[in-house]
């Protein structure tokens, strides 16, 4: 069973993220005609795929996709983003790191092809 996935990208260019993702998902259509309470939240669709981009205060961009994602896990998605955007990417380590308890504050940090676990508080 595939779950929703999310990665946090240290990038200010959301267009670069959208362009990269569209190469895999197909065209992404902006569907936030009725702006939510958060004007920084952007919602896109491509077929059954739902993508939500939301900038964070610490300079990271939350990139969330529903279960229709072509990536099997958040770490797989984060590795793809880090490799192609050449930036820092973080995510929940999920089952790739079984020693990390579920719902902990430990995240996977990917930078320059190197993966480390750390507490993101």
PDB file of N, CA and C in Angstrom:
ATOM      1  N   UNK A   1       0.840  -1.186   0.000  1.00  0.00           N
ATOM      2  CA  UNK A   1       0.000   0.000   0.000  1.00  0.00           C
ATOM      3  C   UNK A   1       0.883   1.247   0.000  1.00  0.00           C
ATOM      4  N   UNK A   2       0.644   2.125  -0.942  1.00  0.00           N
ATOM      5  CA  UNK A   2       1.442   3.329  -1.077  1.00  0.00           C
ATOM      6  C   UNK A   2       0.843   4.439  -0.222  1.00  0.00           C
ATOM      7  N   UNK A   3       1.699   5.183   0.456  1.00  0.00           N
ATOM      8  CA  UNK A   3       1.227   6.263   1.312  1.00  0.00           C
ATOM      9  C   UNK A   3       1.550   7.612   0.673  1.00  0.00           C
ATOM     10  N   UNK A   4       1.026   8.654   1.266  1.00  0.00           N
ATOM     11  CA  UNK A   4       1.373  10.000   0.835  1.00  0.00           C
ATOM     12  C   UNK A   4       2.849  10.209   1.107  1.00  0.00           C
ATOM     13  N   UNK A   5       3.487  11.039   0.308  1.00  0.00           N
ATOM     14  CA  UNK A   5       4.908  11.303   0.492  1.00  0.00           C
ATOM     15  C   UNK A   5       5.145  12.798   0.625  1.00  0.00           C
ATOM     16  N   UNK A   6       6.246  13.140   1.311  1.00  0.00           N
ATOM     17  CA  UNK A   6       6.596  14.543   1.486  1.00  0.00           C
ATOM     18  C   UNK A   6       8.101  14.672   1.617  1.00  0.00           C
ATOM     19  N   UNK A   7       8.622  15.722   1.005  1.00  0.00           N
ATOM     20  CA  UNK A   7      10.030  16.061   1.141  1.00  0.00           C
ATOM     21  C   UNK A   7      10.107  17.568   1.363  1.00  0.00           C
ATOM     22  N   UNK A   8      11.174  17.984   2.012  1.00  0.00           N
ATOM     23  CA  UNK A   8      11.408  19.397   2.309  1.00  0.00           C
ATOM     24  C   UNK A   8      12.675  19.811   1.573  1.00  0.00           C
ATOM     25  N   UNK A   9      12.517  20.724   0.624  1.00  0.00           N
ATOM     26  CA  UNK A   9      13.589  21.107  -0.279  1.00  0.00           C
ATOM     27  C   UNK A   9      14.100  22.500   0.100  1.00  0.00           C
ATOM     28  N   UNK A  10      15.411  22.651   0.230  1.00  0.00           N
ATOM     29  CA  UNK A  10      16.021  23.949   0.556  1.00  0.00           C
ATOM     30  C   UNK A  10      16.281  24.661  -0.769  1.00  0.00           C
ATOM     31  N   UNK A  11      15.223  25.296  -1.269  1.00  0.00           N
ATOM     32  CA  UNK A  11      15.281  25.978  -2.565  1.00  0.00           C
ATOM     33  C   UNK A  11      14.240  27.090  -2.574  1.00  0.00           C
ATOM     34  N   UNK A  12      14.551  28.180  -3.245  1.00  0.00           N
ATOM     35  CA  UNK A  12      13.584  29.278  -3.320  1.00  0.00           C
ATOM     36  C   UNK A  12      12.864  29.307  -4.664  1.00  0.00           C
ATOM     37  N   UNK A  13      13.331  28.540  -5.622  1.00  0.00           N
ATOM     38  CA  UNK A  13      12.774  28.526  -6.972  1.00  0.00           C
ATOM     39  C   UNK A  13      11.733  27.416  -7.120  1.00  0.00           C
ATOM     40  N   UNK A  14      10.477  27.741  -6.818  1.00  0.00           N
ATOM     41  CA  UNK A  14       9.416  26.728  -6.924  1.00  0.00           C
ATOM     42  C   UNK A  14       9.202  26.292  -8.372  1.00  0.00           C
ATOM     43  N   UNK A  15       9.496  27.180  -9.319  1.00  0.00           N
ATOM     44  CA  UNK A  15       9.343  26.815 -10.731  1.00  0.00           C
ATOM     45  C   UNK A  15      10.293  25.678 -11.112  1.00  0.00           C
ATOM     46  N   UNK A  16      11.490  25.665 -10.530  1.00  0.00           N
ATOM     47  CA  UNK A  16      12.437  24.582 -10.807  1.00  0.00           C
ATOM     48  C   UNK A  16      11.886  23.255 -10.301  1.00  0.00           C
ATOM     49  N   UNK A  17      11.256  23.280  -9.130  1.00  0.00           N
ATOM     50  CA  UNK A  17      10.652  22.072  -8.564  1.00  0.00           C
ATOM     51  C   UNK A  17       9.506  21.604  -9.458  1.00  0.00           C
ATOM     52  N   UNK A  18       8.632  22.517  -9.842  1.00  0.00           N
ATOM     53  CA  UNK A  18       7.493  22.169 -10.695  1.00  0.00           C
ATOM     54  C   UNK A  18       7.945  21.625 -12.046  1.00  0.00           C
ATOM     55  N   UNK A  19       8.933  22.259 -12.648  1.00  0.00           N
ATOM     56  CA  UNK A  19       9.437  21.801 -13.954  1.00  0.00           C
ATOM     57  C   UNK A  19      10.009  20.399 -13.853  1.00  0.00           C
ATOM     58  N   UNK A  20      10.789  20.145 -12.812  1.00  0.00           N
ATOM     59  CA  UNK A  20      11.369  18.824 -12.624  1.00  0.00           C
ATOM     60  C   UNK A  20      10.277  17.776 -12.421  1.00  0.00           C
ATOM     61  N   UNK A  21       9.329  18.047 -11.538  1.00  0.00           N
ATOM     62  CA  UNK A  21       8.267  17.075 -11.255  1.00  0.00           C
ATOM     63  C   UNK A  21       7.415  16.796 -12.484  1.00  0.00           C
ATOM     64  N   UNK A  22       7.173  17.814 -13.300  1.00  0.00           N
ATOM     65  CA  UNK A  22       6.352  17.650 -14.505  1.00  0.00           C
ATOM     66  C   UNK A  22       7.004  16.697 -15.504  1.00  0.00           C
ATOM     67  N   UNK A  23       8.335  16.549 -15.457  1.00  0.00           N
ATOM     68  CA  UNK A  23       9.000  15.606 -16.353  1.00  0.00           C
ATOM     69  C   UNK A  23       8.628  14.164 -16.021  1.00  0.00           C
ATOM     70  N   UNK A  24       8.189  13.925 -14.796  1.00  0.00           N
ATOM     71  CA  UNK A  24       7.808  12.579 -14.359  1.00  0.00           C
ATOM     72  C   UNK A  24       6.289  12.420 -14.297  1.00  0.00           C
ATOM     73  N   UNK A  25       5.607  13.433 -13.778  1.00  0.00           N
ATOM     74  CA  UNK A  25       4.163  13.327 -13.543  1.00  0.00           C
ATOM     75  C   UNK A  25       3.312  13.729 -14.735  1.00  0.00           C
ATOM     76  N   UNK A  26       3.891  14.463 -15.662  1.00  0.00           N
ATOM     77  CA  UNK A  26       3.119  15.075 -16.733  1.00  0.00           C
ATOM     78  C   UNK A  26       2.774  16.492 -16.309  1.00  0.00           C
ATOM     79  N   UNK A  27       2.060  17.224 -17.152  1.00  0.00           N
ATOM     80  CA  UNK A  27       1.744  18.623 -16.846  1.00  0.00           C
ATOM     81  C   UNK A  27       1.030  18.777 -15.502  1.00  0.00           C
ATOM     82  N   UNK A  28       1.479  19.758 -14.736  1.00  0.00           N
ATOM     83  CA  UNK A  28       0.862  20.067 -13.437  1.00  0.00           C
ATOM     84  C   UNK A  28       0.022  21.325 -13.594  1.00  0.00           C
ATOM     85  N   UNK A  29      -1.259  21.208 -13.275  1.00  0.00           N
ATOM     86  CA  UNK A  29      -2.194  22.315 -13.432  1.00  0.00           C
ATOM     87  C   UNK A  29      -2.483  22.914 -12.060  1.00  0.00           C
ATOM     88  N   UNK A  30      -2.323  24.227 -11.950  1.00  0.00           N
ATOM     89  CA  UNK A  30      -2.613  24.937 -10.701  1.00  0.00           C
ATOM     90  C   UNK A  30      -4.123  24.918 -10.488  1.00  0.00           C
ATOM     91  N   UNK A  31      -4.568  24.377  -9.347  1.00  0.00           N
ATOM     92  CA  UNK A  31      -6.003  24.257  -9.090  1.00  0.00           C
ATOM     93  C   UNK A  31      -6.458  25.062  -7.874  1.00  0.00           C
ATOM     94  N   UNK A  32      -5.619  25.957  -7.385  1.00  0.00           N
ATOM     95  CA  UNK A  32      -6.044  26.738  -6.220  1.00  0.00           C
ATOM     96  C   UNK A  32      -6.682  28.051  -6.654  1.00  0.00           C
ATOM     97  N   UNK A  33      -7.810  27.915  -7.423  1.00  0.00           N
ATOM     98  CA  UNK A  33      -8.569  29.089  -7.867  1.00  0.00           C
ATOM     99  C   UNK A  33      -9.168  29.839  -6.689  1.00  0.00           C
ATOM    100  N   UNK A  34      -9.601  29.096  -5.686  1.00  0.00           N
ATOM    101  CA  UNK A  34     -10.168  29.681  -4.479  1.00  0.00           C
ATOM    102  C   UNK A  34      -9.073  29.626  -3.423  1.00  0.00           C
ATOM    103  N   UNK A  35      -8.287  30.708  -3.274  1.00  0.00           N
ATOM    104  CA  UNK A  35      -7.119  30.656  -2.397  1.00  0.00           C
ATOM    105  C   UNK A  35      -7.476  30.231  -0.978  1.00  0.00           C
ATOM    106  N   UNK A  36      -6.670  29.324  -0.408  1.00  0.00           N
ATOM    107  CA  UNK A  36      -6.892  28.900   0.974  1.00  0.00           C
ATOM    108  C   UNK A  36      -6.494  30.012   1.936  1.00  0.00           C
ATOM    109  N   UNK A  37      -6.657  29.753   3.222  1.00  0.00           N
ATOM    110  CA  UNK A  37      -6.287  30.748   4.226  1.00  0.00           C
ATOM    111  C   UNK A  37      -4.814  31.112   4.148  1.00  0.00           C
ATOM    112  N   UNK A  38      -3.981  30.193   3.693  1.00  0.00           N
ATOM    113  CA  UNK A  38      -2.549  30.422   3.570  1.00  0.00           C
ATOM    114  C   UNK A  38      -2.237  30.781   2.115  1.00  0.00           C
ATOM    115  N   UNK A  39      -1.925  32.056   1.825  1.00  0.00           N
ATOM    116  CA  UNK A  39      -1.677  32.457   0.439  1.00  0.00           C
ATOM    117  C   UNK A  39      -0.396  31.852  -0.139  1.00  0.00           C
ATOM    118  N   UNK A  40       0.427  31.235   0.703  1.00  0.00           N
ATOM    119  CA  UNK A  40       1.665  30.630   0.230  1.00  0.00           C
ATOM    120  C   UNK A  40       1.494  29.171  -0.153  1.00  0.00           C
ATOM    121  N   UNK A  41       0.320  28.613   0.077  1.00  0.00           N
ATOM    122  CA  UNK A  41       0.025  27.226  -0.245  1.00  0.00           C
ATOM    123  C   UNK A  41      -0.418  27.152  -1.707  1.00  0.00           C
ATOM    124  N   UNK A  42       0.222  26.277  -2.492  1.00  0.00           N
ATOM    125  CA  UNK A  42      -0.123  26.143  -3.906  1.00  0.00           C
ATOM    126  C   UNK A  42      -0.461  24.688  -4.202  1.00  0.00           C
ATOM    127  N   UNK A  43      -1.591  24.479  -4.864  1.00  0.00           N
ATOM    128  CA  UNK A  43      -2.104  23.142  -5.125  1.00  0.00           C
ATOM    129  C   UNK A  43      -2.118  22.891  -6.631  1.00  0.00           C
ATOM    130  N   UNK A  44      -1.590  21.714  -7.014  1.00  0.00           N
ATOM    131  CA  UNK A  44      -1.505  21.335  -8.425  1.00  0.00           C
ATOM    132  C   UNK A  44      -2.052  19.928  -8.588  1.00  0.00           C
ATOM    133  N   UNK A  45      -2.515  19.627  -9.813  1.00  0.00           N
ATOM    134  CA  UNK A  45      -2.988  18.274 -10.134  1.00  0.00           C
ATOM    135  C   UNK A  45      -2.399  17.843 -11.465  1.00  0.00           C
ATOM    136  N   UNK A  46      -2.215  16.546 -11.560  1.00  0.00           N
ATOM    137  CA  UNK A  46      -1.847  15.912 -12.820  1.00  0.00           C
ATOM    138  C   UNK A  46      -2.531  14.550 -12.796  1.00  0.00           C
ATOM    139  N   UNK A  47      -3.632  14.416 -13.501  1.00  0.00           N
ATOM    140  CA  UNK A  47      -4.423  13.188 -13.426  1.00  0.00           C
ATOM    141  C   UNK A  47      -4.915  12.982 -12.009  1.00  0.00           C
ATOM    142  N   UNK A  48      -4.637  11.808 -11.433  1.00  0.00           N
ATOM    143  CA  UNK A  48      -5.058  11.509 -10.056  1.00  0.00           C
ATOM    144  C   UNK A  48      -4.078  12.054  -9.017  1.00  0.00           C
ATOM    145  N   UNK A  49      -2.959  12.583  -9.464  1.00  0.00           N
ATOM    146  CA  UNK A  49      -1.928  13.080  -8.557  1.00  0.00           C
ATOM    147  C   UNK A  49      -2.282  14.468  -8.028  1.00  0.00           C
ATOM    148  N   UNK A  50      -2.142  14.641  -6.730  1.00  0.00           N
ATOM    149  CA  UNK A  50      -2.325  15.933  -6.090  1.00  0.00           C
ATOM    150  C   UNK A  50      -0.980  16.343  -5.508  1.00  0.00           C
ATOM    151  N   UNK A  51      -0.543  17.562  -5.801  1.00  0.00           N
ATOM    152  CA  UNK A  51       0.728  18.101  -5.327  1.00  0.00           C
ATOM    153  C   UNK A  51       0.451  19.390  -4.570  1.00  0.00           C
ATOM    154  N   UNK A  52       1.036  19.509  -3.387  1.00  0.00           N
ATOM    155  CA  UNK A  52       0.899  20.737  -2.600  1.00  0.00           C
ATOM    156  C   UNK A  52       2.285  21.254  -2.268  1.00  0.00           C
ATOM    157  N   UNK A  53       2.539  22.518  -2.615  1.00  0.00           N
ATOM    158  CA  UNK A  53       3.788  23.198  -2.295  1.00  0.00           C
ATOM    159  C   UNK A  53       3.499  24.255  -1.247  1.00  0.00           C
ATOM    160  N   UNK A  54       4.326  24.291  -0.212  1.00  0.00           N
ATOM    161  CA  UNK A  54       4.130  25.261   0.855  1.00  0.00           C
ATOM    162  C   UNK A  54       5.485  25.701   1.407  1.00  0.00           C
ATOM    163  N   UNK A  55       5.835  26.991   1.226  1.00  0.00           N
ATOM    164  CA  UNK A  55       7.097  27.476   1.786  1.00  0.00           C
ATOM    165  C   UNK A  55       7.046  27.476   3.312  1.00  0.00           C
ATOM    166  N   UNK A  56       8.206  27.188   3.910  1.00  0.00           N
ATOM    167  CA  UNK A  56       8.316  27.166   5.366  1.00  0.00           C
ATOM    168  C   UNK A  56       9.178  28.353   5.815  1.00  0.00           C
ATOM    169  N   UNK A  57       9.073  28.713   7.075  1.00  0.00           N
ATOM    170  CA  UNK A  57       9.800  29.864   7.601  1.00  0.00           C
ATOM    171  C   UNK A  57      11.320  29.697   7.566  1.00  0.00           C
ATOM    172  N   UNK A  58      11.809  28.458   7.587  1.00  0.00           N
ATOM    173  CA  UNK A  58      13.248  28.224   7.649  1.00  0.00           C
ATOM    174  C   UNK A  58      13.908  28.108   6.267  1.00  0.00           C
ATOM    175  N   UNK A  59      13.192  28.495   5.206  1.00  0.00           N
ATOM    176  CA  UNK A  59      13.761  28.479   3.865  1.00  0.00           C
ATOM    177  C   UNK A  59      13.542  27.187   3.100  1.00  0.00           C
ATOM    178  N   UNK A  60      12.898  26.212   3.734  1.00  0.00           N
ATOM    179  CA  UNK A  60      12.583  24.963   3.044  1.00  0.00           C
ATOM    180  C   UNK A  60      11.220  25.088   2.379  1.00  0.00           C
ATOM    181  N   UNK A  61      11.024  24.303   1.338  1.00  0.00           N
ATOM    182  CA  UNK A  61       9.749  24.217   0.645  1.00  0.00           C
ATOM    183  C   UNK A  61       9.194  22.821   0.874  1.00  0.00           C
ATOM    184  N   UNK A  62       8.013  22.723   1.471  1.00  0.00           N
ATOM    185  CA  UNK A  62       7.355  21.436   1.647  1.00  0.00           C
ATOM    186  C   UNK A  62       6.757  21.030   0.307  1.00  0.00           C
ATOM    187  N   UNK A  63       7.090  19.809  -0.121  1.00  0.00           N
ATOM    188  CA  UNK A  63       6.581  19.263  -1.375  1.00  0.00           C
ATOM    189  C   UNK A  63       5.855  17.969  -1.013  1.00  0.00           C
ATOM    190  N   UNK A  64       4.537  18.005  -1.039  1.00  0.00           N
ATOM    191  CA  UNK A  64       3.709  16.881  -0.601  1.00  0.00           C
ATOM    192  C   UNK A  64       2.934  16.335  -1.798  1.00  0.00           C
ATOM    193  N   UNK A  65       2.868  15.010  -1.892  1.00  0.00           N
ATOM    194  CA  UNK A  65       2.073  14.354  -2.935  1.00  0.00           C
ATOM    195  C   UNK A  65       1.211  13.268  -2.309  1.00  0.00           C
ATOM    196  N   UNK A  66       0.053  13.051  -2.915  1.00  0.00           N
ATOM    197  CA  UNK A  66      -0.826  11.989  -2.425  1.00  0.00           C
ATOM    198  C   UNK A  66      -0.345  10.627  -2.913  1.00  0.00           C
ATOM    199  N   UNK A  67      -1.075   9.613  -2.576  1.00  0.00           N
ATOM    200  CA  UNK A  67      -0.685   8.235  -2.871  1.00  0.00           C
ATOM    201  C   UNK A  67      -0.572   7.926  -4.360  1.00  0.00           C
ATOM    202  N   UNK A  68      -1.024   8.806  -5.219  1.00  0.00           N
ATOM    203  CA  UNK A  68      -0.901   8.591  -6.662  1.00  0.00           C
ATOM    204  C   UNK A  68       0.514   8.909  -7.156  1.00  0.00           C
ATOM    205  N   UNK A  69       1.401   9.252  -6.260  1.00  0.00           N
ATOM    206  CA  UNK A  69       2.775   9.609  -6.608  1.00  0.00           C
ATOM    207  C   UNK A  69       3.501   8.465  -7.307  1.00  0.00           C
ATOM    208  N   UNK A  70       4.372   8.783  -8.258  1.00  0.00           N
ATOM    209  CA  UNK A  70       5.165   7.740  -8.905  1.00  0.00           C
ATOM    210  C   UNK A  70       6.323   7.224  -8.043  1.00  0.00           C
ATOM    211  N   UNK A  71       6.586   7.851  -6.899  1.00  0.00           N
ATOM    212  CA  UNK A  71       7.666   7.416  -6.007  1.00  0.00           C
ATOM    213  C   UNK A  71       7.083   6.538  -4.904  1.00  0.00           C
ATOM    214  N   UNK A  72       7.781   5.469  -4.530  1.00  0.00           N
ATOM    215  CA  UNK A  72       7.236   4.538  -3.546  1.00  0.00           C
ATOM    216  C   UNK A  72       7.320   5.009  -2.096  1.00  0.00           C
ATOM    217  N   UNK A  73       8.167   6.011  -1.829  1.00  0.00           N
ATOM    218  CA  UNK A  73       8.351   6.461  -0.453  1.00  0.00           C
ATOM    219  C   UNK A  73       8.896   7.885  -0.434  1.00  0.00           C
ATOM    220  N   UNK A  74       8.814   8.511   0.729  1.00  0.00           N
ATOM    221  CA  UNK A  74       9.392   9.847   0.883  1.00  0.00           C
ATOM    222  C   UNK A  74      10.897   9.838   0.650  1.00  0.00           C
ATOM    223  N   UNK A  75      11.668   8.848   1.178  1.00  0.00           N
ATOM    224  CA  UNK A  75      13.098   8.839   0.891  1.00  0.00           C
ATOM    225  C   UNK A  75      13.418   8.713  -0.608  1.00  0.00           C
ATOM    226  N   UNK A  76      12.685   7.893  -1.337  1.00  0.00           N
ATOM    227  CA  UNK A  76      12.918   7.763  -2.782  1.00  0.00           C
ATOM    228  C   UNK A  76      12.656   9.096  -3.477  1.00  0.00           C
ATOM    229  N   UNK A  77      11.596   9.762  -3.068  1.00  0.00           N
ATOM    230  CA  UNK A  77      11.248  11.069  -3.617  1.00  0.00           C
ATOM    231  C   UNK A  77      12.327  12.099  -3.269  1.00  0.00           C
ATOM    232  N   UNK A  78      12.775  12.102  -2.026  1.00  0.00           N
ATOM    233  CA  UNK A  78      13.805  13.054  -1.587  1.00  0.00           C
ATOM    234  C   UNK A  78      15.114  12.830  -2.335  1.00  0.00           C
ATOM    235  N   UNK A  79      15.487  11.577  -2.539  1.00  0.00           N
ATOM    236  CA  UNK A  79      16.718  11.281  -3.280  1.00  0.00           C
ATOM    237  C   UNK A  79      16.628  11.800  -4.718  1.00  0.00           C
ATOM    238  N   UNK A  80      15.464  11.632  -5.339  1.00  0.00           N
ATOM    239  CA  UNK A  80      15.245  12.137  -6.689  1.00  0.00           C
ATOM    240  C   UNK A  80      15.404  13.663  -6.720  1.00  0.00           C
ATOM    241  N   UNK A  81      14.742  14.342  -5.789  1.00  0.00           N
ATOM    242  CA  UNK A  81      14.815  15.810  -5.748  1.00  0.00           C
ATOM    243  C   UNK A  81      16.237  16.292  -5.487  1.00  0.00           C
ATOM    244  N   UNK A  82      16.931  15.677  -4.527  1.00  0.00           N
ATOM    245  CA  UNK A  82      18.294  16.093  -4.185  1.00  0.00           C
ATOM    246  C   UNK A  82      19.245  15.909  -5.372  1.00  0.00           C
ATOM    247  N   UNK A  83      19.108  14.803  -6.066  1.00  0.00           N
ATOM    248  CA  UNK A  83      19.994  14.517  -7.196  1.00  0.00           C
ATOM    249  C   UNK A  83      19.771  15.478  -8.358  1.00  0.00           C
ATOM    250  N   UNK A  84      18.514  15.794  -8.631  1.00  0.00           N
ATOM    251  CA  UNK A  84      18.218  16.623  -9.799  1.00  0.00           C
ATOM    252  C   UNK A  84      18.255  18.120  -9.526  1.00  0.00           C
ATOM    253  N   UNK A  85      17.925  18.532  -8.319  1.00  0.00           N
ATOM    254  CA  UNK A  85      17.932  19.960  -7.996  1.00  0.00           C
ATOM    255  C   UNK A  85      19.254  20.396  -7.361  1.00  0.00           C
ATOM    256  N   UNK A  86      20.069  19.429  -6.974  1.00  0.00           N
ATOM    257  CA  UNK A  86      21.374  19.677  -6.347  1.00  0.00           C
ATOM    258  C   UNK A  86      21.258  20.648  -5.181  1.00  0.00           C
ATOM    259  N   UNK A  87      20.379  20.289  -4.250  1.00  0.00           N
ATOM    260  CA  UNK A  87      20.172  21.104  -3.057  1.00  0.00           C
ATOM    261  C   UNK A  87      19.922  20.174  -1.871  1.00  0.00           C
ATOM    262  N   UNK A  88      19.821  20.750  -0.697  1.00  0.00           N
ATOM    263  CA  UNK A  88      19.521  19.989   0.507  1.00  0.00           C
ATOM    264  C   UNK A  88      18.057  19.566   0.475  1.00  0.00           C
ATOM    265  N   UNK A  89      17.815  18.303   0.796  1.00  0.00           N
ATOM    266  CA  UNK A  89      16.446  17.792   0.871  1.00  0.00           C
ATOM    267  C   UNK A  89      16.332  16.966   2.148  1.00  0.00           C
ATOM    268  N   UNK A  90      15.223  17.108   2.833  1.00  0.00           N
ATOM    269  CA  UNK A  90      14.946  16.357   4.057  1.00  0.00           C
ATOM    270  C   UNK A  90      13.598  15.662   3.935  1.00  0.00           C
ATOM    271  N   UNK A  91      13.455  14.555   4.692  1.00  0.00           N
ATOM    272  CA  UNK A  91      12.178  13.839   4.693  1.00  0.00           C
ATOM    273  C   UNK A  91      12.126  12.908   5.885  1.00  0.00           C
ATOM    274  N   UNK A  92      10.959  12.321   6.098  1.00  0.00           N
ATOM    275  CA  UNK A  92      10.787  11.270   7.090  1.00  0.00           C
ATOM    276  C   UNK A  92      11.537  10.048   6.558  1.00  0.00           C
ATOM    277  N   UNK A  93      12.369   9.403   7.379  1.00  0.00           N
ATOM    278  CA  UNK A  93      13.140   8.267   6.886  1.00  0.00           C
ATOM    279  C   UNK A  93      12.312   7.020   6.579  1.00  0.00           C
ATOM    280  N   UNK A  94      11.111   6.940   7.113  1.00  0.00           N
ATOM    281  CA  UNK A  94      10.187   5.824   6.881  1.00  0.00           C
ATOM    282  C   UNK A  94      10.875   4.471   7.034  1.00  0.00           C
ATOM    283  N   UNK A  95      10.477   3.490   6.276  1.00  0.00           N
ATOM    284  CA  UNK A  95      11.004   2.133   6.450  1.00  0.00           C
ATOM    285  C   UNK A  95      12.415   1.954   5.899  1.00  0.00           C
ATOM    286  N   UNK A  96      12.959   2.963   5.221  1.00  0.00           N
ATOM    287  CA  UNK A  96      14.344   2.873   4.751  1.00  0.00           C
ATOM    288  C   UNK A  96      15.320   2.823   5.923  1.00  0.00           C
ATOM    289  N   UNK A  97      14.903   3.355   7.054  1.00  0.00           N
ATOM    290  CA  UNK A  97      15.710   3.364   8.273  1.00  0.00           C
ATOM    291  C   UNK A  97      14.848   2.799   9.402  1.00  0.00           C
ATOM    292  N   UNK A  98      14.728   1.475   9.490  1.00  0.00           N
ATOM    293  CA  UNK A  98      13.826   0.860  10.472  1.00  0.00           C
ATOM    294  C   UNK A  98      14.210   1.136  11.920  1.00  0.00           C
ATOM    295  N   UNK A  99      15.443   1.557  12.172  1.00  0.00           N
ATOM    296  CA  UNK A  99      15.860   1.864  13.536  1.00  0.00           C
ATOM    297  C   UNK A  99      15.264   3.177  14.056  1.00  0.00           C
ATOM    298  N   UNK A 100      14.690   3.987  13.168  1.00  0.00           N
ATOM    299  CA  UNK A 100      14.088   5.257  13.572  1.00  0.00           C
ATOM    300  C   UNK A 100      12.623   5.015  13.940  1.00  0.00           C
ATOM    301  N   UNK A 101      12.228   5.355  15.167  1.00  0.00           N
ATOM    302  CA  UNK A 101      10.830   5.140  15.573  1.00  0.00           C
ATOM    303  C   UNK A 101       9.871   6.033  14.761  1.00  0.00           C
ATOM    304  N   UNK A 102       8.697   5.488  14.508  1.00  0.00           N
ATOM    305  CA  UNK A 102       7.661   6.273  13.825  1.00  0.00           C
ATOM    306  C   UNK A 102       7.322   7.495  14.674  1.00  0.00           C
ATOM    307  N   UNK A 103       6.982   8.581  14.034  1.00  0.00           N
ATOM    308  CA  UNK A 103       6.550   9.826  14.677  1.00  0.00           C
ATOM    309  C   UNK A 103       7.629  10.439  15.571  1.00  0.00           C
ATOM    310  N   UNK A 104       8.890  10.185  15.267  1.00  0.00           N
ATOM    311  CA  UNK A 104       9.964  10.832  16.027  1.00  0.00           C
ATOM    312  C   UNK A 104      10.343  12.129  15.323  1.00  0.00           C
ATOM    313  N   UNK A 105      11.239  12.902  15.923  1.00  0.00           N
ATOM    314  CA  UNK A 105      11.697  14.143  15.296  1.00  0.00           C
ATOM    315  C   UNK A 105      12.973  13.909  14.484  1.00  0.00           C
ATOM    316  N   UNK A 106      13.277  12.637  14.184  1.00  0.00           N
ATOM    317  CA  UNK A 106      14.456  12.298  13.389  1.00  0.00           C
ATOM    318  C   UNK A 106      14.076  12.315  11.908  1.00  0.00           C
ATOM    319  N   UNK A 107      14.879  13.043  11.133  1.00  0.00           N
ATOM    320  CA  UNK A 107      14.648  13.178   9.700  1.00  0.00           C
ATOM    321  C   UNK A 107      15.873  12.714   8.928  1.00  0.00           C
ATOM    322  N   UNK A 108      15.653  12.372   7.678  1.00  0.00           N
ATOM    323  CA  UNK A 108      16.722  12.046   6.762  1.00  0.00           C
ATOM    324  C   UNK A 108      17.145  13.348   6.078  1.00  0.00           C
ATOM    325  N   UNK A 109      18.436  13.633   6.107  1.00  0.00           N
ATOM    326  CA  UNK A 109      19.014  14.839   5.497  1.00  0.00           C
ATOM    327  C   UNK A 109      19.889  14.360   4.346  1.00  0.00           C
ATOM    328  N   UNK A 110      19.616  14.857   3.133  1.00  0.00           N
ATOM    329  CA  UNK A 110      20.386  14.473   1.953  1.00  0.00           C
ATOM    330  C   UNK A 110      21.050  15.730   1.396  1.00  0.00           C
ATOM    331  N   UNK A 111      22.369  15.650   1.292  1.00  0.00           N
ATOM    332  CA  UNK A 111      23.127  16.787   0.759  1.00  0.00           C
ATOM    333  C   UNK A 111      24.353  16.252   0.032  1.00  0.00           C
ATOM    334  N   UNK A 112      24.489  16.614  -1.238  1.00  0.00           N
ATOM    335  CA  UNK A 112      25.633  16.163  -2.017  1.00  0.00           C
ATOM    336  C   UNK A 112      25.735  14.645  -2.120  1.00  0.00           C
ATOM    337  N   UNK A 113      24.601  13.964  -2.137  1.00  0.00           N
ATOM    338  CA  UNK A 113      24.581  12.513  -2.245  1.00  0.00           C
ATOM    339  C   UNK A 113      24.833  11.778  -0.938  1.00  0.00           C
ATOM    340  N   UNK A 114      25.037  12.524   0.151  1.00  0.00           N
ATOM    341  CA  UNK A 114      25.295  11.921   1.458  1.00  0.00           C
ATOM    342  C   UNK A 114      24.024  11.986   2.308  1.00  0.00           C
ATOM    343  N   UNK A 115      23.671  10.856   2.902  1.00  0.00           N
ATOM    344  CA  UNK A 115      22.483  10.781   3.742  1.00  0.00           C
ATOM    345  C   UNK A 115      22.892  10.693   5.222  1.00  0.00           C
ATOM    346  N   UNK A 116      22.254  11.529   6.035  1.00  0.00           N
ATOM    347  CA  UNK A 116      22.467  11.472   7.470  1.00  0.00           C
ATOM    348  C   UNK A 116      21.125  11.593   8.169  1.00  0.00           C
ATOM    349  N   UNK A 117      21.035  11.053   9.369  1.00  0.00           N
ATOM    350  CA  UNK A 117      19.849  11.197  10.209  1.00  0.00           C
ATOM    351  C   UNK A 117      20.138  12.262  11.253  1.00  0.00           C
ATOM    352  N   UNK A 118      19.142  13.100  11.545  1.00  0.00           N
ATOM    353  CA  UNK A 118      19.317  14.138  12.547  1.00  0.00           C
ATOM    354  C   UNK A 118      17.966  14.517  13.141  1.00  0.00           C
ATOM    355  N   UNK A 119      18.002  15.172  14.303  1.00  0.00           N
ATOM    356  CA  UNK A 119      16.771  15.653  14.937  1.00  0.00           C
ATOM    357  C   UNK A 119      16.463  17.047  14.400  1.00  0.00           C
ATOM    358  N   UNK A 120      15.280  17.175  13.819  1.00  0.00           N
ATOM    359  CA  UNK A 120      14.860  18.467  13.275  1.00  0.00           C
ATOM    360  C   UNK A 120      13.799  19.014  14.206  1.00  0.00           C
ATOM    361  N   UNK A 121      14.207  19.917  15.062  1.00  0.00           N
ATOM    362  CA  UNK A 121      13.290  20.461  16.079  1.00  0.00           C
ATOM    363  C   UNK A 121      12.886  21.862  15.753  1.00  0.00           C
TER     364      UNK A 121
END
